[in-house]
PDB file of N, CA and C in Angstrom:
ATOM      1  N   UNK A   1       6.575 113.454  85.825  1.00  0.00           N
ATOM      2  CA  UNK A   1       6.624 112.247  86.633  1.00  0.00           C
ATOM      3  C   UNK A   1       7.996 112.136  87.287  1.00  0.00           C
ATOM      4  N   UNK A   2       8.021 111.877  88.578  1.00  0.00           N
ATOM      5  CA  UNK A   2       9.272 111.754  89.316  1.00  0.00           C
ATOM      6  C   UNK A   2       9.527 110.290  89.635  1.00  0.00           C
ATOM      7  N   UNK A   3      10.752 109.849  89.375  1.00  0.00           N
ATOM      8  CA  UNK A   3      11.131 108.472  89.663  1.00  0.00           C
ATOM      9  C   UNK A   3      12.229 108.480  90.702  1.00  0.00           C
ATOM     10  N   UNK A   4      12.099 107.645  91.717  1.00  0.00           N
ATOM     11  CA  UNK A   4      13.123 107.528  92.743  1.00  0.00           C
ATOM     12  C   UNK A   4      14.084 106.426  92.333  1.00  0.00           C
ATOM     13  N   UNK A   5      15.356 106.736  92.322  1.00  0.00           N
ATOM     14  CA  UNK A   5      16.364 105.740  91.993  1.00  0.00           C
ATOM     15  C   UNK A   5      17.235 105.524  93.216  1.00  0.00           C
ATOM     16  N   UNK A   6      17.337 104.305  93.652  1.00  0.00           N
ATOM     17  CA  UNK A   6      18.164 103.965  94.795  1.00  0.00           C
ATOM     18  C   UNK A   6      19.202 102.970  94.339  1.00  0.00           C
ATOM     19  N   UNK A   7      20.453 103.252  94.622  1.00  0.00           N
ATOM     20  CA  UNK A   7      21.515 102.318  94.252  1.00  0.00           C
ATOM     21  C   UNK A   7      21.860 101.458  95.453  1.00  0.00           C
ATOM     22  N   UNK A   8      22.555 100.360  95.185  1.00  0.00           N
ATOM     23  CA  UNK A   8      22.964  99.463  96.265  1.00  0.00           C
ATOM     24  C   UNK A   8      23.850 100.187  97.268  1.00  0.00           C
ATOM     25  N   UNK A   9      24.631 101.168  96.816  1.00  0.00           N
ATOM     26  CA  UNK A   9      25.528 101.905  97.708  1.00  0.00           C
ATOM     27  C   UNK A   9      24.753 102.769  98.707  1.00  0.00           C
ATOM     28  N   UNK A  10      23.516 103.152  98.372  1.00  0.00           N
ATOM     29  CA  UNK A  10      22.722 103.999  99.258  1.00  0.00           C
ATOM     30  C   UNK A  10      21.979 103.209 100.335  1.00  0.00           C
ATOM     31  N   UNK A  11      21.938 101.892 100.210  1.00  0.00           N
ATOM     32  CA  UNK A  11      21.238 101.064 101.186  1.00  0.00           C
ATOM     33  C   UNK A  11      22.102 100.795 102.401  1.00  0.00           C
ATOM     34  N   UNK A  12      21.463 100.781 103.560  1.00  0.00           N
ATOM     35  CA  UNK A  12      22.184 100.365 104.765  1.00  0.00           C
ATOM     36  C   UNK A  12      22.241  98.841 104.777  1.00  0.00           C
ATOM     37  N   UNK A  13      23.080  98.293 105.626  1.00  0.00           N
ATOM     38  CA  UNK A  13      23.128  96.832 105.761  1.00  0.00           C
ATOM     39  C   UNK A  13      21.779  96.289 106.220  1.00  0.00           C
ATOM     40  N   UNK A  14      21.112  97.023 107.080  1.00  0.00           N
ATOM     41  CA  UNK A  14      19.796  96.601 107.557  1.00  0.00           C
ATOM     42  C   UNK A  14      18.791  96.583 106.408  1.00  0.00           C
ATOM     43  N   UNK A  15      18.806  97.632 105.584  1.00  0.00           N
ATOM     44  CA  UNK A  15      17.898  97.680 104.430  1.00  0.00           C
ATOM     45  C   UNK A  15      18.132  96.485 103.516  1.00  0.00           C
ATOM     46  N   UNK A  16      19.397  96.206 103.220  1.00  0.00           N
ATOM     47  CA  UNK A  16      19.737  95.089 102.334  1.00  0.00           C
ATOM     48  C   UNK A  16      19.299  93.759 102.956  1.00  0.00           C
ATOM     49  N   UNK A  17      19.495  93.599 104.260  1.00  0.00           N
ATOM     50  CA  UNK A  17      19.091  92.361 104.934  1.00  0.00           C
ATOM     51  C   UNK A  17      17.581  92.157 104.848  1.00  0.00           C
ATOM     52  N   UNK A  18      16.823  93.229 104.996  1.00  0.00           N
ATOM     53  CA  UNK A  18      15.364  93.134 104.892  1.00  0.00           C
ATOM     54  C   UNK A  18      14.981  92.750 103.465  1.00  0.00           C
ATOM     55  N   UNK A  19      15.613  93.365 102.466  1.00  0.00           N
ATOM     56  CA  UNK A  19      15.318  93.017 101.073  1.00  0.00           C
ATOM     57  C   UNK A  19      15.626  91.548 100.793  1.00  0.00           C
ATOM     58  N   UNK A  20      16.744  91.060 101.299  1.00  0.00           N
ATOM     59  CA  UNK A  20      17.125  89.659 101.099  1.00  0.00           C
ATOM     60  C   UNK A  20      16.105  88.735 101.781  1.00  0.00           C
ATOM     61  N   UNK A  21      15.675  89.089 102.981  1.00  0.00           N
ATOM     62  CA  UNK A  21      14.685  88.273 103.693  1.00  0.00           C
ATOM     63  C   UNK A  21      13.364  88.238 102.932  1.00  0.00           C
ATOM     64  N   UNK A  22      12.939  89.373 102.416  1.00  0.00           N
ATOM     65  CA  UNK A  22      11.693  89.427 101.647  1.00  0.00           C
ATOM     66  C   UNK A  22      11.846  88.604 100.370  1.00  0.00           C
ATOM     67  N   UNK A  23      12.983  88.729  99.707  1.00  0.00           N
ATOM     68  CA  UNK A  23      13.232  87.958  98.484  1.00  0.00           C
ATOM     69  C   UNK A  23      13.204  86.455  98.758  1.00  0.00           C
ATOM     70  N   UNK A  24      13.607  86.052  99.962  1.00  0.00           N
ATOM     71  CA  UNK A  24      13.618  84.637 100.346  1.00  0.00           C
ATOM     72  C   UNK A  24      12.238  84.147 100.793  1.00  0.00           C
ATOM     73  N   UNK A  25      11.250  85.044 100.772  1.00  0.00           N
ATOM     74  CA  UNK A  25       9.896  84.651 101.152  1.00  0.00           C
ATOM     75  C   UNK A  25       9.642  84.664 102.645  1.00  0.00           C
ATOM     76  N   UNK A  26      10.493  85.352 103.407  1.00  0.00           N
ATOM     77  CA  UNK A  26      10.369  85.374 104.864  1.00  0.00           C
ATOM     78  C   UNK A  26       9.590  86.569 105.385  1.00  0.00           C
ATOM     79  N   UNK A  27       9.144  87.465 104.488  1.00  0.00           N
ATOM     80  CA  UNK A  27       8.448  88.681 104.902  1.00  0.00           C
ATOM     81  C   UNK A  27       6.945  88.582 104.749  1.00  0.00           C
ATOM     82  N   UNK A  28       6.243  89.170 105.708  1.00  0.00           N
ATOM     83  CA  UNK A  28       4.789  89.231 105.694  1.00  0.00           C
ATOM     84  C   UNK A  28       4.385  90.641 106.102  1.00  0.00           C
ATOM     85  N   UNK A  29       3.317  91.137 105.489  1.00  0.00           N
ATOM     86  CA  UNK A  29       2.791  92.444 105.874  1.00  0.00           C
ATOM     87  C   UNK A  29       1.460  92.218 106.588  1.00  0.00           C
ATOM     88  N   UNK A  30       1.345  92.766 107.793  1.00  0.00           N
ATOM     89  CA  UNK A  30       0.126  92.677 108.585  1.00  0.00           C
ATOM     90  C   UNK A  30      -0.242  94.089 109.001  1.00  0.00           C
ATOM     91  N   UNK A  31      -1.406  94.534 108.590  1.00  0.00           N
ATOM     92  CA  UNK A  31      -1.874  95.890 108.909  1.00  0.00           C
ATOM     93  C   UNK A  31      -0.842  96.938 108.505  1.00  0.00           C
ATOM     94  N   UNK A  32      -0.179  96.733 107.376  1.00  0.00           N
ATOM     95  CA  UNK A  32       0.796  97.693 106.873  1.00  0.00           C
ATOM     96  C   UNK A  32       2.169  97.592 107.515  1.00  0.00           C
ATOM     97  N   UNK A  33       2.353  96.711 108.500  1.00  0.00           N
ATOM     98  CA  UNK A  33       3.650  96.543 109.177  1.00  0.00           C
ATOM     99  C   UNK A  33       4.360  95.333 108.611  1.00  0.00           C
ATOM    100  N   UNK A  34       5.654  95.452 108.441  1.00  0.00           N
ATOM    101  CA  UNK A  34       6.459  94.371 107.901  1.00  0.00           C
ATOM    102  C   UNK A  34       6.962  93.461 109.012  1.00  0.00           C
ATOM    103  N   UNK A  35       6.719  92.169 108.857  1.00  0.00           N
ATOM    104  CA  UNK A  35       7.220  91.159 109.775  1.00  0.00           C
ATOM    105  C   UNK A  35       8.215  90.286 109.019  1.00  0.00           C
ATOM    106  N   UNK A  36       9.294  89.908 109.679  1.00  0.00           N
ATOM    107  CA  UNK A  36      10.256  88.968 109.117  1.00  0.00           C
ATOM    108  C   UNK A  36      10.242  87.755 110.030  1.00  0.00           C
ATOM    109  N   UNK A  37      10.004  86.595 109.466  1.00  0.00           N
ATOM    110  CA  UNK A  37       9.891  85.350 110.243  1.00  0.00           C
ATOM    111  C   UNK A  37       8.851  85.491 111.354  1.00  0.00           C
ATOM    112  N   UNK A  38       7.786  86.249 111.084  1.00  0.00           N
ATOM    113  CA  UNK A  38       6.707  86.416 112.048  1.00  0.00           C
ATOM    114  C   UNK A  38       6.955  87.446 113.130  1.00  0.00           C
ATOM    115  N   UNK A  39       8.126  88.077 113.097  1.00  0.00           N
ATOM    116  CA  UNK A  39       8.470  89.074 114.123  1.00  0.00           C
ATOM    117  C   UNK A  39       8.563  90.459 113.503  1.00  0.00           C
ATOM    118  N   UNK A  40       8.110  91.495 114.219  1.00  0.00           N
ATOM    119  CA  UNK A  40       8.223  92.852 113.688  1.00  0.00           C
ATOM    120  C   UNK A  40       9.687  93.265 113.560  1.00  0.00           C
ATOM    121  N   UNK A  41       9.978  94.032 112.532  1.00  0.00           N
ATOM    122  CA  UNK A  41      11.341  94.544 112.346  1.00  0.00           C
ATOM    123  C   UNK A  41      11.691  95.483 113.500  1.00  0.00           C
ATOM    124  N   UNK A  42      12.925  95.409 113.968  1.00  0.00           N
ATOM    125  CA  UNK A  42      13.371  96.293 115.044  1.00  0.00           C
ATOM    126  C   UNK A  42      13.343  97.748 114.588  1.00  0.00           C
ATOM    127  N   UNK A  43      13.625  97.968 113.319  1.00  0.00           N
ATOM    128  CA  UNK A  43      13.560  99.304 112.732  1.00  0.00           C
ATOM    129  C   UNK A  43      12.159  99.478 112.163  1.00  0.00           C
ATOM    130  N   UNK A  44      11.299 100.171 112.893  1.00  0.00           N
ATOM    131  CA  UNK A  44       9.905 100.298 112.479  1.00  0.00           C
ATOM    132  C   UNK A  44       9.726 101.098 111.200  1.00  0.00           C
ATOM    133  N   UNK A  45      10.761 101.813 110.759  1.00  0.00           N
ATOM    134  CA  UNK A  45      10.642 102.652 109.570  1.00  0.00           C
ATOM    135  C   UNK A  45      11.259 102.033 108.323  1.00  0.00           C
ATOM    136  N   UNK A  46      11.861 100.844 108.437  1.00  0.00           N
ATOM    137  CA  UNK A  46      12.547 100.243 107.292  1.00  0.00           C
ATOM    138  C   UNK A  46      11.575  99.985 106.138  1.00  0.00           C
ATOM    139  N   UNK A  47      10.393  99.490 106.416  1.00  0.00           N
ATOM    140  CA  UNK A  47       9.434  99.209 105.354  1.00  0.00           C
ATOM    141  C   UNK A  47       9.029 100.488 104.634  1.00  0.00           C
ATOM    142  N   UNK A  48       8.797 101.555 105.387  1.00  0.00           N
ATOM    143  CA  UNK A  48       8.416 102.833 104.770  1.00  0.00           C
ATOM    144  C   UNK A  48       9.542 103.368 103.889  1.00  0.00           C
ATOM    145  N   UNK A  49      10.802 103.239 104.352  1.00  0.00           N
ATOM    146  CA  UNK A  49      11.943 103.698 103.540  1.00  0.00           C
ATOM    147  C   UNK A  49      12.046 102.905 102.247  1.00  0.00           C
ATOM    148  N   UNK A  50      11.890 101.592 102.357  1.00  0.00           N
ATOM    149  CA  UNK A  50      12.014 100.744 101.175  1.00  0.00           C
ATOM    150  C   UNK A  50      10.848 100.944 100.214  1.00  0.00           C
ATOM    151  N   UNK A  51       9.656 101.202 100.739  1.00  0.00           N
ATOM    152  CA  UNK A  51       8.516 101.519  99.865  1.00  0.00           C
ATOM    153  C   UNK A  51       8.747 102.849  99.162  1.00  0.00           C
ATOM    154  N   UNK A  52       9.202 103.853  99.903  1.00  0.00           N
ATOM    155  CA  UNK A  52       9.441 105.178  99.321  1.00  0.00           C
ATOM    156  C   UNK A  52      10.533 105.131  98.252  1.00  0.00           C
ATOM    157  N   UNK A  53      11.495 104.226  98.421  1.00  0.00           N
ATOM    158  CA  UNK A  53      12.574 104.077  97.443  1.00  0.00           C
ATOM    159  C   UNK A  53      12.126 103.254  96.239  1.00  0.00           C
ATOM    160  N   UNK A  54      10.913 102.713  96.297  1.00  0.00           N
ATOM    161  CA  UNK A  54      10.400 101.922  95.187  1.00  0.00           C
ATOM    162  C   UNK A  54      10.942 100.507  95.152  1.00  0.00           C
ATOM    163  N   UNK A  55      11.365  99.975  96.299  1.00  0.00           N
ATOM    164  CA  UNK A  55      11.966  98.644  96.345  1.00  0.00           C
ATOM    165  C   UNK A  55      11.037  97.591  96.943  1.00  0.00           C
ATOM    166  N   UNK A  56      10.131  98.006  97.791  1.00  0.00           N
ATOM    167  CA  UNK A  56       9.198  97.105  98.447  1.00  0.00           C
ATOM    168  C   UNK A  56       7.797  97.462  97.977  1.00  0.00           C
ATOM    169  N   UNK A  57       7.078  96.456  97.481  1.00  0.00           N
ATOM    170  CA  UNK A  57       5.721  96.705  96.998  1.00  0.00           C
ATOM    171  C   UNK A  57       4.827  97.086  98.184  1.00  0.00           C
ATOM    172  N   UNK A  58       4.003  98.080  98.010  1.00  0.00           N
ATOM    173  CA  UNK A  58       3.113  98.531  99.073  1.00  0.00           C
ATOM    174  C   UNK A  58       1.956  97.559  99.209  1.00  0.00           C
ATOM    175  N   UNK A  59       1.764  97.052 100.408  1.00  0.00           N
ATOM    176  CA  UNK A  59       0.683  96.119 100.687  1.00  0.00           C
ATOM    177  C   UNK A  59       0.126  96.404 102.069  1.00  0.00           C
ATOM    178  N   UNK A  60      -1.105  95.997 102.265  1.00  0.00           N
ATOM    179  CA  UNK A  60      -1.715  96.122 103.579  1.00  0.00           C
ATOM    180  C   UNK A  60      -1.622  94.799 104.325  1.00  0.00           C
ATOM    181  N   UNK A  61      -1.754  93.690 103.599  1.00  0.00           N
ATOM    182  CA  UNK A  61      -1.675  92.366 104.225  1.00  0.00           C
ATOM    183  C   UNK A  61      -1.237  91.331 103.208  1.00  0.00           C
ATOM    184  N   UNK A  62      -0.531  90.319 103.674  1.00  0.00           N
ATOM    185  CA  UNK A  62      -0.112  89.223 102.807  1.00  0.00           C
ATOM    186  C   UNK A  62       1.397  89.087 102.761  1.00  0.00           C
ATOM    187  N   UNK A  63       1.860  88.287 101.825  1.00  0.00           N
ATOM    188  CA  UNK A  63       3.285  88.057 101.658  1.00  0.00           C
ATOM    189  C   UNK A  63       3.946  89.322 101.115  1.00  0.00           C
ATOM    190  N   UNK A  64       5.012  89.740 101.750  1.00  0.00           N
ATOM    191  CA  UNK A  64       5.740  90.927 101.279  1.00  0.00           C
ATOM    192  C   UNK A  64       6.419  90.595  99.959  1.00  0.00           C
ATOM    193  N   UNK A  65       6.445  91.559  99.049  1.00  0.00           N
ATOM    194  CA  UNK A  65       7.041  91.349  97.736  1.00  0.00           C
ATOM    195  C   UNK A  65       7.910  92.538  97.369  1.00  0.00           C
ATOM    196  N   UNK A  66       8.965  92.245  96.636  1.00  0.00           N
ATOM    197  CA  UNK A  66       9.836  93.295  96.123  1.00  0.00           C
ATOM    198  C   UNK A  66       9.306  93.783  94.787  1.00  0.00           C
ATOM    199  N   UNK A  67       9.613  95.008  94.477  1.00  0.00           N
ATOM    200  CA  UNK A  67       9.332  95.531  93.139  1.00  0.00           C
ATOM    201  C   UNK A  67      10.433  95.018  92.211  1.00  0.00           C
ATOM    202  N   UNK A  68      10.318  95.295  90.933  1.00  0.00           N
ATOM    203  CA  UNK A  68      11.360  94.911  89.987  1.00  0.00           C
ATOM    204  C   UNK A  68      12.699  95.516  90.363  1.00  0.00           C
ATOM    205  N   UNK A  69      12.688  96.765  90.809  1.00  0.00           N
ATOM    206  CA  UNK A  69      13.925  97.427  91.236  1.00  0.00           C
ATOM    207  C   UNK A  69      14.517  96.753  92.465  1.00  0.00           C
ATOM    208  N   UNK A  70      13.656  96.316  93.382  1.00  0.00           N
ATOM    209  CA  UNK A  70      14.123  95.632  94.577  1.00  0.00           C
ATOM    210  C   UNK A  70      14.779  94.304  94.231  1.00  0.00           C
ATOM    211  N   UNK A  71      14.196  93.589  93.300  1.00  0.00           N
ATOM    212  CA  UNK A  71      14.767  92.313  92.856  1.00  0.00           C
ATOM    213  C   UNK A  71      16.141  92.540  92.232  1.00  0.00           C
ATOM    214  N   UNK A  72      16.262  93.583  91.403  1.00  0.00           N
ATOM    215  CA  UNK A  72      17.541  93.908  90.763  1.00  0.00           C
ATOM    216  C   UNK A  72      18.610  94.237  91.795  1.00  0.00           C
ATOM    217  N   UNK A  73      18.260  95.010  92.830  1.00  0.00           N
ATOM    218  CA  UNK A  73      19.242  95.369  93.850  1.00  0.00           C
ATOM    219  C   UNK A  73      19.690  94.161  94.657  1.00  0.00           C
ATOM    220  N   UNK A  74      18.784  93.248  94.954  1.00  0.00           N
ATOM    221  CA  UNK A  74      19.168  92.056  95.709  1.00  0.00           C
ATOM    222  C   UNK A  74      20.110  91.188  94.866  1.00  0.00           C
ATOM    223  N   UNK A  75      19.844  91.140  93.566  1.00  0.00           N
ATOM    224  CA  UNK A  75      20.668  90.335  92.671  1.00  0.00           C
ATOM    225  C   UNK A  75      22.051  90.940  92.439  1.00  0.00           C
ATOM    226  N   UNK A  76      22.177  92.254  92.635  1.00  0.00           N
ATOM    227  CA  UNK A  76      23.450  92.950  92.365  1.00  0.00           C
ATOM    228  C   UNK A  76      24.517  92.603  93.387  1.00  0.00           C
TER     229      UNK A  76
END
């Protein structure tokens, strides 16, 4: 079993901002795309990067949620 570990130092400022927005309840997933405050992210790949890092829960639709690791990184 392979586990992806991402530290706060490996995140870009944009990645961290998206995690903070999702943690604040401002993120929504529509058709697999991440929206913040109802608007698509300018970086169309940020959600895929955060999902691959195990920080953003994979969803097709609904409120975006962080994984336990994502919550820990936002709190750090």
